[in-house]
Amino acid sequence: MPSAIIEINRLKVYAYHGVGDQETKVGNDFEVSVHLEYPCDYAMKTDRLDFTMSYADVLDVVIKEMRKPSKLLENVVFRIHSVIMYRFPRVIGGSITVLKLHPPLSEQMESCGFTYKW
């Protein structure tokens, strides 16, 4: 059965994830990308919305879970993955990346993050 990947790339979110006091009080800019593999043959053939995945519904999951503070990005990604798999049982694989855009480190870098693939 053919499959496709729905993509949400580089969603900007302000959130309160991190171990340090500053991170949990002041917050930081994050970037979230989600790629979800699902069967697409019926949607492609029929042009019917009920056979596809809604970007808006996936965005809703990501935004709601990003609003809940966590110490670890691994925990944030786990929560996003858990809700997606519950709400969208047709998903057969994918990846979720959460990047912290301004990590409180002395070294110069664009971002630090965590990616989970399944």
Protein backbone atom coordinates (compact mmCIF):
# COMPACT_ATOMS: atom_id res chain seq x y z
CA MET A 1 0.00 0.00 0.00
CA PRO A 2 1.45 3.40 -0.94
CA SER A 3 2.24 5.80 1.84
CA ALA A 4 3.06 9.49 2.07
CA ILE A 5 4.52 11.87 4.59
CA ILE A 6 2.67 14.87 5.93
CA GLU A 7 5.19 17.53 6.97
CA ILE A 8 5.15 20.39 9.42
CA ASN A 9 8.49 22.12 9.16
CA ARG A 10 10.08 24.57 11.55
CA LEU A 11 6.99 25.63 13.51
CA LYS A 12 8.07 28.47 15.82
CA VAL A 13 6.86 28.14 19.42
CA TYR A 14 7.75 30.03 22.59
CA ALA A 15 7.85 27.63 25.55
CA TYR A 16 9.32 26.94 28.98
CA HIS A 17 11.36 23.77 28.61
CA GLY A 18 14.71 23.28 30.28
CA VAL A 19 16.58 22.40 33.43
CA GLY A 20 17.76 25.86 34.46
CA ASP A 21 15.68 28.35 36.42
CA GLN A 22 15.95 30.94 33.64
CA GLU A 23 14.59 28.50 31.07
CA THR A 24 11.53 27.65 33.13
CA LYS A 25 10.79 31.26 34.12
CA VAL A 26 11.80 33.30 31.07
CA GLY A 27 11.31 30.67 28.36
CA ASN A 28 12.94 30.25 24.99
CA ASP A 29 12.22 30.06 21.29
CA PHE A 30 11.74 26.55 19.93
CA GLU A 31 11.32 25.09 16.48
CA VAL A 32 9.29 21.93 15.93
CA SER A 33 9.22 19.72 12.83
CA VAL A 34 6.91 16.73 12.49
CA HIS A 35 6.92 14.21 9.64
CA LEU A 36 4.20 11.56 9.72
CA GLU A 37 3.96 8.62 7.35
CA TYR A 38 0.47 7.31 6.61
CA PRO A 39 -1.39 5.40 3.87
CA CYS A 40 -2.42 7.90 1.21
CA ASP A 41 -3.84 5.87 -1.69
CA TYR A 42 -7.53 6.53 -0.94
CA ALA A 43 -7.00 10.26 -0.43
CA MET A 44 -5.08 10.48 -3.69
CA LYS A 45 -7.74 8.60 -5.65
CA THR A 46 -10.87 10.12 -4.11
CA ASP A 47 -9.90 13.70 -3.14
CA ARG A 48 -11.80 13.14 0.13
CA LEU A 49 -10.67 14.81 3.35
CA ASP A 50 -11.72 11.87 5.53
CA PHE A 51 -8.95 9.74 3.97
CA THR A 52 -6.11 12.14 4.75
CA MET A 53 -4.53 13.81 7.79
CA SER A 54 -5.28 17.39 8.73
CA TYR A 55 -2.27 19.67 9.15
CA ALA A 56 -4.39 21.80 11.49
CA ASP A 57 -5.16 18.84 13.76
CA VAL A 58 -1.49 17.86 13.98
CA LEU A 59 -0.52 21.49 14.68
CA ASP A 60 -3.08 21.60 17.47
CA VAL A 61 -1.45 18.58 19.15
CA VAL A 62 2.03 20.07 18.86
CA ILE A 63 1.05 23.48 20.22
CA LYS A 64 -0.89 22.03 23.16
CA GLU A 65 1.99 19.77 24.18
CA MET A 66 4.61 22.50 23.74
CA ARG A 67 2.65 24.68 26.19
CA LYS A 68 3.25 22.14 28.99
CA PRO A 69 6.69 22.79 30.56
CA SER A 70 9.20 19.94 30.73
CA LYS A 71 12.77 19.71 31.91
CA LEU A 72 13.77 17.45 29.01
CA LEU A 73 13.08 17.80 25.29
CA GLU A 74 12.84 14.00 25.26
CA ASN A 75 9.75 14.28 27.46
CA VAL A 76 8.17 16.92 25.21
CA VAL A 77 8.74 14.75 22.13
CA PHE A 78 7.41 11.67 23.95
CA ARG A 79 4.17 13.52 24.78
CA ILE A 80 3.73 14.81 21.24
CA HIS A 81 4.35 11.30 19.85
CA SER A 82 1.94 9.67 22.32
CA VAL A 83 -0.93 12.02 21.49
CA ILE A 84 -0.32 11.78 17.74
CA MET A 85 -0.34 7.97 17.85
CA TYR A 86 -3.56 8.00 19.90
CA ARG A 87 -5.40 10.58 17.77
CA PHE A 88 -4.11 9.39 14.38
CA PRO A 89 -3.96 5.58 14.44
CA ARG A 90 -3.24 5.43 10.69
CA VAL A 91 0.27 6.82 11.25
CA ILE A 92 2.81 4.09 10.48
CA GLY A 93 6.06 5.98 11.05
CA GLY A 94 7.65 9.36 11.28
CA SER A 95 9.88 11.74 13.15
CA ILE A 96 9.54 14.61 15.59
CA THR A 97 12.27 17.19 16.14
CA VAL A 98 12.26 19.89 18.83
CA LEU A 99 15.07 22.45 18.69
CA LYS A 100 15.90 25.05 21.34
CA LEU A 101 16.95 28.08 19.30
CA HIS A 102 18.86 30.00 21.98
CA PRO A 103 20.33 27.46 24.39
CA PRO A 104 21.83 29.07 27.51
CA LEU A 105 25.36 27.93 26.74
CA SER A 106 28.54 29.96 26.28
CA GLU A 107 29.36 28.33 22.94
CA GLN A 108 27.98 29.88 19.76
CA MET A 109 25.50 27.67 17.93
CA GLU A 110 22.27 27.92 16.03
CA SER A 111 20.31 25.43 18.13
CA CYS A 112 20.31 22.28 20.26
CA GLY A 113 17.63 19.67 20.08
CA PHE A 114 16.24 16.18 20.10
CA THR A 115 14.82 14.04 17.27
CA TYR A 116 12.80 10.86 17.67
CA LYS A 117 12.24 8.54 14.67
CA TRP A 118 10.07 5.47 14.52
